């Protein structure tokens, strides 16, 4: 599955495995560089998914219009 379609949880798990491999110190330099680059891509993908989720979760519907939840969280 491509990173662009992978869930946050799956991407985070891949990133954790990459970090463990890099921390082990057992990888040859070329492979470590490739893993690092792959890890950066997974990290960026996770950050993008978090930004999207934050955007959705910080909005609420009020009278059929989206408003910023943070500005109206005291109103009921």
PDB file of N, CA and C in Angstrom:
ATOM      1  N   UNK A   1       0.845  -1.181   0.000  1.00  0.00           N
ATOM      2  CA  UNK A   1       0.000   0.000   0.000  1.00  0.00           C
ATOM      3  C   UNK A   1       0.891   1.245   0.000  1.00  0.00           C
ATOM      4  N   UNK A   2       0.523   2.221  -0.796  1.00  0.00           N
ATOM      5  CA  UNK A   2       1.331   3.442  -0.855  1.00  0.00           C
ATOM      6  C   UNK A   2       1.125   4.255   0.417  1.00  0.00           C
ATOM      7  N   UNK A   3       2.125   5.059   0.744  1.00  0.00           N
ATOM      8  CA  UNK A   3       2.048   5.887   1.953  1.00  0.00           C
ATOM      9  C   UNK A   3       0.858   6.826   1.911  1.00  0.00           C
ATOM     10  N   UNK A   4       0.507   7.319   0.720  1.00  0.00           N
ATOM     11  CA  UNK A   4      -0.573   8.293   0.590  1.00  0.00           C
ATOM     12  C   UNK A   4      -1.921   7.722   0.993  1.00  0.00           C
ATOM     13  N   UNK A   5      -2.110   6.398   0.888  1.00  0.00           N
ATOM     14  CA  UNK A   5      -3.390   5.770   1.210  1.00  0.00           C
ATOM     15  C   UNK A   5      -3.345   5.019   2.531  1.00  0.00           C
ATOM     16  N   UNK A   6      -2.205   4.994   3.168  1.00  0.00           N
ATOM     17  CA  UNK A   6      -2.029   4.235   4.391  1.00  0.00           C
ATOM     18  C   UNK A   6      -2.618   4.994   5.579  1.00  0.00           C
ATOM     19  N   UNK A   7      -3.209   4.263   6.499  1.00  0.00           N
ATOM     20  CA  UNK A   7      -3.789   4.888   7.687  1.00  0.00           C
ATOM     21  C   UNK A   7      -2.686   5.467   8.571  1.00  0.00           C
ATOM     22  N   UNK A   8      -3.101   6.350   9.476  1.00  0.00           N
ATOM     23  CA  UNK A   8      -2.159   6.949  10.413  1.00  0.00           C
ATOM     24  C   UNK A   8      -1.488   5.862  11.238  1.00  0.00           C
ATOM     25  N   UNK A   9      -2.291   4.933  11.749  1.00  0.00           N
ATOM     26  CA  UNK A   9      -1.756   3.879  12.615  1.00  0.00           C
ATOM     27  C   UNK A   9      -0.741   3.007  11.883  1.00  0.00           C
ATOM     28  N   UNK A  10      -1.042   2.635  10.640  1.00  0.00           N
ATOM     29  CA  UNK A  10      -0.120   1.808   9.867  1.00  0.00           C
ATOM     30  C   UNK A  10       1.173   2.572   9.555  1.00  0.00           C
ATOM     31  N   UNK A  11       1.035   3.845   9.218  1.00  0.00           N
ATOM     32  CA  UNK A  11       2.212   4.663   8.927  1.00  0.00           C
ATOM     33  C   UNK A  11       3.072   4.850  10.165  1.00  0.00           C
ATOM     34  N   UNK A  12       2.424   5.064  11.313  1.00  0.00           N
ATOM     35  CA  UNK A  12       3.160   5.235  12.563  1.00  0.00           C
ATOM     36  C   UNK A  12       3.901   3.949  12.932  1.00  0.00           C
ATOM     37  N   UNK A  13       3.251   2.806  12.713  1.00  0.00           N
ATOM     38  CA  UNK A  13       3.901   1.531  12.998  1.00  0.00           C
ATOM     39  C   UNK A  13       5.133   1.345  12.113  1.00  0.00           C
ATOM     40  N   UNK A  14       5.008   1.677  10.828  1.00  0.00           N
ATOM     41  CA  UNK A  14       6.157   1.598   9.905  1.00  0.00           C
ATOM     42  C   UNK A  14       7.284   2.516  10.383  1.00  0.00           C
ATOM     43  N   UNK A  15       6.914   3.724  10.787  1.00  0.00           N
ATOM     44  CA  UNK A  15       7.906   4.689  11.261  1.00  0.00           C
ATOM     45  C   UNK A  15       8.615   4.166  12.510  1.00  0.00           C
ATOM     46  N   UNK A  16       7.866   3.569  13.423  1.00  0.00           N
ATOM     47  CA  UNK A  16       8.465   3.004  14.640  1.00  0.00           C
ATOM     48  C   UNK A  16       9.453   1.887  14.305  1.00  0.00           C
ATOM     49  N   UNK A  17       9.106   1.047  13.315  1.00  0.00           N
ATOM     50  CA  UNK A  17      10.013  -0.029  12.908  1.00  0.00           C
ATOM     51  C   UNK A  17      11.293   0.533  12.295  1.00  0.00           C
ATOM     52  N   UNK A  18      11.159   1.591  11.529  1.00  0.00           N
ATOM     53  CA  UNK A  18      12.333   2.234  10.924  1.00  0.00           C
ATOM     54  C   UNK A  18      13.234   2.810  12.012  1.00  0.00           C
ATOM     55  N   UNK A  19      12.635   3.466  12.989  1.00  0.00           N
ATOM     56  CA  UNK A  19      13.415   4.046  14.090  1.00  0.00           C
ATOM     57  C   UNK A  19      14.163   2.951  14.845  1.00  0.00           C
ATOM     58  N   UNK A  20      13.490   1.842  15.130  1.00  0.00           N
ATOM     59  CA  UNK A  20      14.147   0.730  15.826  1.00  0.00           C
ATOM     60  C   UNK A  20      15.330   0.196  15.024  1.00  0.00           C
ATOM     61  N   UNK A  21      15.128   0.052  13.709  1.00  0.00           N
ATOM     62  CA  UNK A  21      16.209  -0.447  12.850  1.00  0.00           C
ATOM     63  C   UNK A  21      17.393   0.516  12.863  1.00  0.00           C
ATOM     64  N   UNK A  22      17.109   1.815  12.799  1.00  0.00           N
ATOM     65  CA  UNK A  22      18.183   2.806  12.813  1.00  0.00           C
ATOM     66  C   UNK A  22      18.882   2.844  14.171  1.00  0.00           C
ATOM     67  N   UNK A  23      18.107   2.708  15.243  1.00  0.00           N
ATOM     68  CA  UNK A  23      18.699   2.745  16.579  1.00  0.00           C
ATOM     69  C   UNK A  23      19.560   1.525  16.863  1.00  0.00           C
ATOM     70  N   UNK A  24      19.289   0.418  16.178  1.00  0.00           N
ATOM     71  CA  UNK A  24      20.055  -0.807  16.421  1.00  0.00           C
ATOM     72  C   UNK A  24      21.523  -0.638  16.037  1.00  0.00           C
ATOM     73  N   UNK A  25      21.771   0.231  15.046  1.00  0.00           N
ATOM     74  CA  UNK A  25      23.145   0.450  14.604  1.00  0.00           C
ATOM     75  C   UNK A  25      23.694  -0.683  13.767  1.00  0.00           C
ATOM     76  N   UNK A  26      22.852  -1.637  13.394  1.00  0.00           N
ATOM     77  CA  UNK A  26      23.309  -2.806  12.636  1.00  0.00           C
ATOM     78  C   UNK A  26      23.202  -2.637  11.125  1.00  0.00           C
ATOM     79  N   UNK A  27      22.651  -1.524  10.675  1.00  0.00           N
ATOM     80  CA  UNK A  27      22.456  -1.322   9.236  1.00  0.00           C
ATOM     81  C   UNK A  27      23.708  -0.742   8.593  1.00  0.00           C
ATOM     82  N   UNK A  28      24.023  -1.218   7.385  1.00  0.00           N
ATOM     83  CA  UNK A  28      25.104  -0.572   6.634  1.00  0.00           C
ATOM     84  C   UNK A  28      24.703   0.874   6.331  1.00  0.00           C
ATOM     85  N   UNK A  29      25.655   1.729   6.128  1.00  0.00           N
ATOM     86  CA  UNK A  29      25.402   3.153   5.946  1.00  0.00           C
ATOM     87  C   UNK A  29      24.387   3.424   4.834  1.00  0.00           C
ATOM     88  N   UNK A  30      24.568   2.794   3.676  1.00  0.00           N
ATOM     89  CA  UNK A  30      23.654   3.048   2.557  1.00  0.00           C
ATOM     90  C   UNK A  30      22.217   2.675   2.909  1.00  0.00           C
ATOM     91  N   UNK A  31      22.040   1.546   3.577  1.00  0.00           N
ATOM     92  CA  UNK A  31      20.698   1.119   3.968  1.00  0.00           C
ATOM     93  C   UNK A  31      20.135   2.042   5.052  1.00  0.00           C
ATOM     94  N   UNK A  32      20.983   2.501   5.960  1.00  0.00           N
ATOM     95  CA  UNK A  32      20.540   3.414   7.008  1.00  0.00           C
ATOM     96  C   UNK A  32      20.047   4.727   6.404  1.00  0.00           C
ATOM     97  N   UNK A  33      20.738   5.218   5.388  1.00  0.00           N
ATOM     98  CA  UNK A  33      20.321   6.452   4.721  1.00  0.00           C
ATOM     99  C   UNK A  33      18.976   6.252   4.039  1.00  0.00           C
ATOM    100  N   UNK A  34      18.802   5.113   3.370  1.00  0.00           N
ATOM    101  CA  UNK A  34      17.524   4.813   2.710  1.00  0.00           C
ATOM    102  C   UNK A  34      16.398   4.729   3.741  1.00  0.00           C
ATOM    103  N   UNK A  35      16.656   4.058   4.852  1.00  0.00           N
ATOM    104  CA  UNK A  35      15.649   3.934   5.914  1.00  0.00           C
ATOM    105  C   UNK A  35      15.306   5.312   6.485  1.00  0.00           C
ATOM    106  N   UNK A  36      16.324   6.154   6.660  1.00  0.00           N
ATOM    107  CA  UNK A  36      16.102   7.503   7.172  1.00  0.00           C
ATOM    108  C   UNK A  36      15.196   8.289   6.227  1.00  0.00           C
ATOM    109  N   UNK A  37      15.484   8.226   4.933  1.00  0.00           N
ATOM    110  CA  UNK A  37      14.666   8.929   3.942  1.00  0.00           C
ATOM    111  C   UNK A  37      13.240   8.400   3.952  1.00  0.00           C
ATOM    112  N   UNK A  38      13.085   7.085   4.057  1.00  0.00           N
ATOM    113  CA  UNK A  38      11.761   6.479   4.122  1.00  0.00           C
ATOM    114  C   UNK A  38      11.032   6.935   5.395  1.00  0.00           C
ATOM    115  N   UNK A  39      11.769   7.003   6.490  1.00  0.00           N
ATOM    116  CA  UNK A  39      11.192   7.464   7.753  1.00  0.00           C
ATOM    117  C   UNK A  39      10.698   8.900   7.667  1.00  0.00           C
ATOM    118  N   UNK A  40      11.440   9.745   6.983  1.00  0.00           N
ATOM    119  CA  UNK A  40      11.021  11.141   6.794  1.00  0.00           C
ATOM    120  C   UNK A  40       9.694  11.178   6.048  1.00  0.00           C
ATOM    121  N   UNK A  41       9.541  10.350   5.020  1.00  0.00           N
ATOM    122  CA  UNK A  41       8.294  10.313   4.249  1.00  0.00           C
ATOM    123  C   UNK A  41       7.123   9.848   5.109  1.00  0.00           C
ATOM    124  N   UNK A  42       7.343   8.817   5.929  1.00  0.00           N
ATOM    125  CA  UNK A  42       6.277   8.361   6.821  1.00  0.00           C
ATOM    126  C   UNK A  42       5.935   9.436   7.848  1.00  0.00           C
ATOM    127  N   UNK A  43       6.954  10.114   8.352  1.00  0.00           N
ATOM    128  CA  UNK A  43       6.732  11.185   9.321  1.00  0.00           C
ATOM    129  C   UNK A  43       5.892  12.311   8.716  1.00  0.00           C
ATOM    130  N   UNK A  44       6.223  12.707   7.505  1.00  0.00           N
ATOM    131  CA  UNK A  44       5.466  13.760   6.827  1.00  0.00           C
ATOM    132  C   UNK A  44       4.030  13.319   6.569  1.00  0.00           C
ATOM    133  N   UNK A  45       3.858  12.064   6.188  1.00  0.00           N
ATOM    134  CA  UNK A  45       2.513  11.538   5.945  1.00  0.00           C
ATOM    135  C   UNK A  45       1.696  11.583   7.245  1.00  0.00           C
ATOM    136  N   UNK A  46       2.297  11.158   8.337  1.00  0.00           N
ATOM    137  CA  UNK A  46       1.599  11.194   9.633  1.00  0.00           C
ATOM    138  C   UNK A  46       1.246  12.631  10.014  1.00  0.00           C
ATOM    139  N   UNK A  47       2.162  13.555   9.810  1.00  0.00           N
ATOM    140  CA  UNK A  47       1.891  14.962  10.125  1.00  0.00           C
ATOM    141  C   UNK A  47       0.744  15.500   9.287  1.00  0.00           C
ATOM    142  N   UNK A  48       0.700  15.142   8.008  1.00  0.00           N
ATOM    143  CA  UNK A  48      -0.393  15.590   7.140  1.00  0.00           C
ATOM    144  C   UNK A  48      -1.733  15.029   7.606  1.00  0.00           C
ATOM    145  N   UNK A  49      -1.749  13.741   7.985  1.00  0.00           N
ATOM    146  CA  UNK A  49      -2.988  13.137   8.467  1.00  0.00           C
ATOM    147  C   UNK A  49      -3.446  13.793   9.769  1.00  0.00           C
ATOM    148  N   UNK A  50      -2.499  14.125  10.635  1.00  0.00           N
ATOM    149  CA  UNK A  50      -2.853  14.796  11.890  1.00  0.00           C
ATOM    150  C   UNK A  50      -3.412  16.195  11.635  1.00  0.00           C
ATOM    151  N   UNK A  51      -2.829  16.911  10.682  1.00  0.00           N
ATOM    152  CA  UNK A  51      -3.330  18.248  10.336  1.00  0.00           C
ATOM    153  C   UNK A  51      -4.752  18.161   9.790  1.00  0.00           C
ATOM    154  N   UNK A  52      -5.004  17.158   8.938  1.00  0.00           N
ATOM    155  CA  UNK A  52      -6.341  16.970   8.393  1.00  0.00           C
ATOM    156  C   UNK A  52      -7.342  16.663   9.501  1.00  0.00           C
ATOM    157  N   UNK A  53      -6.959  15.775  10.421  1.00  0.00           N
ATOM    158  CA  UNK A  53      -7.839  15.418  11.529  1.00  0.00           C
ATOM    159  C   UNK A  53      -8.089  16.624  12.424  1.00  0.00           C
ATOM    160  N   UNK A  54      -7.059  17.395  12.696  1.00  0.00           N
ATOM    161  CA  UNK A  54      -7.206  18.586  13.522  1.00  0.00           C
ATOM    162  C   UNK A  54      -8.167  19.573  12.870  1.00  0.00           C
ATOM    163  N   UNK A  55      -8.060  19.721  11.571  1.00  0.00           N
ATOM    164  CA  UNK A  55      -8.945  20.634  10.852  1.00  0.00           C
ATOM    165  C   UNK A  55     -10.400  20.208  10.990  1.00  0.00           C
ATOM    166  N   UNK A  56     -10.642  18.919  10.878  1.00  0.00           N
ATOM    167  CA  UNK A  56     -12.005  18.401  11.007  1.00  0.00           C
ATOM    168  C   UNK A  56     -12.509  18.547  12.437  1.00  0.00           C
ATOM    169  N   UNK A  57     -11.655  18.221  13.399  1.00  0.00           N
ATOM    170  CA  UNK A  57     -12.087  18.211  14.791  1.00  0.00           C
ATOM    171  C   UNK A  57     -12.224  19.601  15.410  1.00  0.00           C
ATOM    172  N   UNK A  58     -11.606  20.598  14.812  1.00  0.00           N
ATOM    173  CA  UNK A  58     -11.716  21.943  15.373  1.00  0.00           C
ATOM    174  C   UNK A  58     -12.857  22.725  14.750  1.00  0.00           C
ATOM    175  N   UNK A  59     -13.662  22.044  13.963  1.00  0.00           N
ATOM    176  CA  UNK A  59     -14.837  22.683  13.363  1.00  0.00           C
ATOM    177  C   UNK A  59     -16.090  22.046  13.956  1.00  0.00           C
ATOM    178  N   UNK A  60     -17.121  22.808  14.075  1.00  0.00           N
ATOM    179  CA  UNK A  60     -18.410  22.265  14.472  1.00  0.00           C
ATOM    180  C   UNK A  60     -19.494  22.958  13.676  1.00  0.00           C
ATOM    181  N   UNK A  61     -20.600  22.317  13.552  1.00  0.00           N
ATOM    182  CA  UNK A  61     -21.700  22.887  12.799  1.00  0.00           C
ATOM    183  C   UNK A  61     -22.587  23.705  13.748  1.00  0.00           C
ATOM    184  N   UNK A  62     -22.918  24.902  13.322  1.00  0.00           N
ATOM    185  CA  UNK A  62     -23.816  25.741  14.100  1.00  0.00           C
ATOM    186  C   UNK A  62     -24.732  26.425  13.102  1.00  0.00           C
ATOM    187  N   UNK A  63     -26.017  26.162  13.207  1.00  0.00           N
ATOM    188  CA  UNK A  63     -27.001  26.721  12.282  1.00  0.00           C
ATOM    189  C   UNK A  63     -26.654  26.421  10.834  1.00  0.00           C
ATOM    190  N   UNK A  64     -26.127  25.216  10.578  1.00  0.00           N
ATOM    191  CA  UNK A  64     -25.806  24.807   9.220  1.00  0.00           C
ATOM    192  C   UNK A  64     -24.519  25.368   8.673  1.00  0.00           C
ATOM    193  N   UNK A  65     -23.771  26.121   9.473  1.00  0.00           N
ATOM    194  CA  UNK A  65     -22.510  26.700   9.017  1.00  0.00           C
ATOM    195  C   UNK A  65     -21.370  26.206   9.890  1.00  0.00           C
ATOM    196  N   UNK A  66     -20.220  26.008   9.260  1.00  0.00           N
ATOM    197  CA  UNK A  66     -19.044  25.623  10.028  1.00  0.00           C
ATOM    198  C   UNK A  66     -18.499  26.836  10.758  1.00  0.00           C
ATOM    199  N   UNK A  67     -18.208  26.655  12.038  1.00  0.00           N
ATOM    200  CA  UNK A  67     -17.561  27.704  12.811  1.00  0.00           C
ATOM    201  C   UNK A  67     -16.412  27.081  13.582  1.00  0.00           C
ATOM    202  N   UNK A  68     -15.482  27.881  13.966  1.00  0.00           N
ATOM    203  CA  UNK A  68     -14.322  27.397  14.700  1.00  0.00           C
ATOM    204  C   UNK A  68     -14.761  26.949  16.079  1.00  0.00           C
ATOM    205  N   UNK A  69     -14.568  25.669  16.390  1.00  0.00           N
ATOM    206  CA  UNK A  69     -14.991  25.096  17.660  1.00  0.00           C
ATOM    207  C   UNK A  69     -14.367  25.819  18.848  1.00  0.00           C
ATOM    208  N   UNK A  70     -13.102  26.163  18.741  1.00  0.00           N
ATOM    209  CA  UNK A  70     -12.399  26.795  19.854  1.00  0.00           C
ATOM    210  C   UNK A  70     -13.039  28.133  20.248  1.00  0.00           C
ATOM    211  N   UNK A  71     -13.588  28.823  19.290  1.00  0.00           N
ATOM    212  CA  UNK A  71     -14.197  30.114  19.590  1.00  0.00           C
ATOM    213  C   UNK A  71     -15.568  29.970  20.249  1.00  0.00           C
ATOM    214  N   UNK A  72     -16.197  28.807  20.085  1.00  0.00           N
ATOM    215  CA  UNK A  72     -17.560  28.637  20.567  1.00  0.00           C
ATOM    216  C   UNK A  72     -17.703  27.517  21.585  1.00  0.00           C
ATOM    217  N   UNK A  73     -16.622  27.038  22.165  1.00  0.00           N
ATOM    218  CA  UNK A  73     -16.719  25.876  23.033  1.00  0.00           C
ATOM    219  C   UNK A  73     -17.416  26.173  24.359  1.00  0.00           C
ATOM    220  N   UNK A  74     -17.651  27.421  24.716  1.00  0.00           N
ATOM    221  CA  UNK A  74     -18.370  27.749  25.952  1.00  0.00           C
ATOM    222  C   UNK A  74     -19.846  27.929  25.711  1.00  0.00           C
ATOM    223  N   UNK A  75     -20.264  27.980  24.466  1.00  0.00           N
ATOM    224  CA  UNK A  75     -21.667  28.168  24.139  1.00  0.00           C
ATOM    225  C   UNK A  75     -22.373  26.836  24.069  1.00  0.00           C
ATOM    226  N   UNK A  76     -23.603  26.780  24.557  1.00  0.00           N
ATOM    227  CA  UNK A  76     -24.371  25.547  24.440  1.00  0.00           C
ATOM    228  C   UNK A  76     -25.767  25.855  24.082  1.00  0.00           C
TER     229      UNK A  76
END
